[in-house]
């Protein structure tokens, strides 16, 4: 089941729906980078290019868990 979180990005309210496992990884990334959850989502939004936001979140989480931490 997906868990939805709401955030304001570039002055626009939006929400992102991801599996709880992805949110757990994203929360760990935010903590490691000393960012709030909203701050991490804003960074992902700014660096995602044309990729959908939810996809960019999943790719970051997968890369981080694989030890790449390159995104």
C-alpha atoms as a PDB file:
ATOM      1  CA  UNK A   1       0.000   0.000   0.000  1.00  0.00           C
ATOM      2  CA  UNK A   2       1.250   3.473  -0.883  1.00  0.00           C
ATOM      3  CA  UNK A   3       1.760   6.202   1.682  1.00  0.00           C
ATOM      4  CA  UNK A   4       1.149   9.750   0.498  1.00  0.00           C
ATOM      5  CA  UNK A   5       3.033  12.797   1.763  1.00  0.00           C
ATOM      6  CA  UNK A   6       2.244  16.383   0.875  1.00  0.00           C
ATOM      7  CA  UNK A   7       4.818  19.097   0.298  1.00  0.00           C
ATOM      8  CA  UNK A   8       5.128  22.530  -1.266  1.00  0.00           C
ATOM      9  CA  UNK A   9       7.633  22.563  -4.129  1.00  0.00           C
ATOM     10  CA  UNK A  10       8.487  25.767  -5.946  1.00  0.00           C
ATOM     11  CA  UNK A  11       5.443  27.394  -4.386  1.00  0.00           C
ATOM     12  CA  UNK A  12       3.032  24.665  -5.505  1.00  0.00           C
ATOM     13  CA  UNK A  13       1.377  22.117  -3.256  1.00  0.00           C
ATOM     14  CA  UNK A  14       1.881  18.552  -4.414  1.00  0.00           C
ATOM     15  CA  UNK A  15       1.894  15.087  -2.969  1.00  0.00           C
ATOM     16  CA  UNK A  16       4.063  12.048  -3.516  1.00  0.00           C
ATOM     17  CA  UNK A  17       2.810   8.492  -3.029  1.00  0.00           C
ATOM     18  CA  UNK A  18       5.443   5.842  -2.333  1.00  0.00           C
ATOM     19  CA  UNK A  19       5.683   2.526  -0.578  1.00  0.00           C
ATOM     20  CA  UNK A  20       6.577   2.833   3.143  1.00  0.00           C
ATOM     21  CA  UNK A  21       9.913   1.112   2.494  1.00  0.00           C
ATOM     22  CA  UNK A  22      10.952   3.905   0.132  1.00  0.00           C
ATOM     23  CA  UNK A  23       9.875   6.558   2.636  1.00  0.00           C
ATOM     24  CA  UNK A  24      12.030   4.879   5.290  1.00  0.00           C
ATOM     25  CA  UNK A  25      15.091   5.099   3.028  1.00  0.00           C
ATOM     26  CA  UNK A  26      14.329   8.697   2.046  1.00  0.00           C
ATOM     27  CA  UNK A  27      13.983   9.623   5.722  1.00  0.00           C
ATOM     28  CA  UNK A  28      17.417   8.084   6.370  1.00  0.00           C
ATOM     29  CA  UNK A  29      18.922  10.030   3.444  1.00  0.00           C
ATOM     30  CA  UNK A  30      17.388  13.266   4.743  1.00  0.00           C
ATOM     31  CA  UNK A  31      18.784  12.613   8.221  1.00  0.00           C
ATOM     32  CA  UNK A  32      22.245  11.840   6.843  1.00  0.00           C
ATOM     33  CA  UNK A  33      22.224  15.056   4.809  1.00  0.00           C
ATOM     34  CA  UNK A  34      20.776  17.011   7.735  1.00  0.00           C
ATOM     35  CA  UNK A  35      17.718  17.975   5.678  1.00  0.00           C
ATOM     36  CA  UNK A  36      14.075  17.971   6.536  1.00  0.00           C
ATOM     37  CA  UNK A  37      11.849  15.636   4.590  1.00  0.00           C
ATOM     38  CA  UNK A  38      10.552  18.641   2.653  1.00  0.00           C
ATOM     39  CA  UNK A  39      14.112  19.811   2.037  1.00  0.00           C
ATOM     40  CA  UNK A  40      15.089  16.462   0.556  1.00  0.00           C
ATOM     41  CA  UNK A  41      11.996  16.393  -1.658  1.00  0.00           C
ATOM     42  CA  UNK A  42      12.779  19.922  -2.837  1.00  0.00           C
ATOM     43  CA  UNK A  43      16.323  18.857  -3.720  1.00  0.00           C
ATOM     44  CA  UNK A  44      15.031  15.795  -5.581  1.00  0.00           C
ATOM     45  CA  UNK A  45      12.552  18.003  -7.438  1.00  0.00           C
ATOM     46  CA  UNK A  46      15.292  20.435  -8.485  1.00  0.00           C
ATOM     47  CA  UNK A  47      17.627  17.703  -9.747  1.00  0.00           C
ATOM     48  CA  UNK A  48      15.207  15.200 -11.301  1.00  0.00           C
ATOM     49  CA  UNK A  49      15.128  16.579 -14.824  1.00  0.00           C
ATOM     50  CA  UNK A  50      12.110  15.257 -16.710  1.00  0.00           C
ATOM     51  CA  UNK A  51      11.698  12.174 -14.532  1.00  0.00           C
ATOM     52  CA  UNK A  52       8.456  12.012 -12.520  1.00  0.00           C
ATOM     53  CA  UNK A  53       8.970  12.993  -8.881  1.00  0.00           C
ATOM     54  CA  UNK A  54       7.928   9.621  -7.452  1.00  0.00           C
ATOM     55  CA  UNK A  55      10.294   7.837  -9.850  1.00  0.00           C
ATOM     56  CA  UNK A  56      13.144  10.172  -8.926  1.00  0.00           C
ATOM     57  CA  UNK A  57      12.508   9.410  -5.243  1.00  0.00           C
ATOM     58  CA  UNK A  58      12.631   5.674  -5.883  1.00  0.00           C
ATOM     59  CA  UNK A  59      15.816   5.923  -7.969  1.00  0.00           C
ATOM     60  CA  UNK A  60      17.543   7.942  -5.235  1.00  0.00           C
ATOM     61  CA  UNK A  61      16.467   5.439  -2.585  1.00  0.00           C
ATOM     62  CA  UNK A  62      17.643   2.469  -4.651  1.00  0.00           C
ATOM     63  CA  UNK A  63      20.976   4.098  -5.401  1.00  0.00           C
ATOM     64  CA  UNK A  64      21.506   4.960  -1.763  1.00  0.00           C
ATOM     65  CA  UNK A  65      20.715   1.449  -0.542  1.00  0.00           C
ATOM     66  CA  UNK A  66      23.049   0.016  -3.181  1.00  0.00           C
ATOM     67  CA  UNK A  67      25.819   2.186  -1.750  1.00  0.00           C
ATOM     68  CA  UNK A  68      26.121   4.310  -4.851  1.00  0.00           C
ATOM     69  CA  UNK A  69      24.845   7.512  -3.228  1.00  0.00           C
ATOM     70  CA  UNK A  70      25.457   9.239  -6.568  1.00  0.00           C
ATOM     71  CA  UNK A  71      22.180  11.060  -7.126  1.00  0.00           C
END
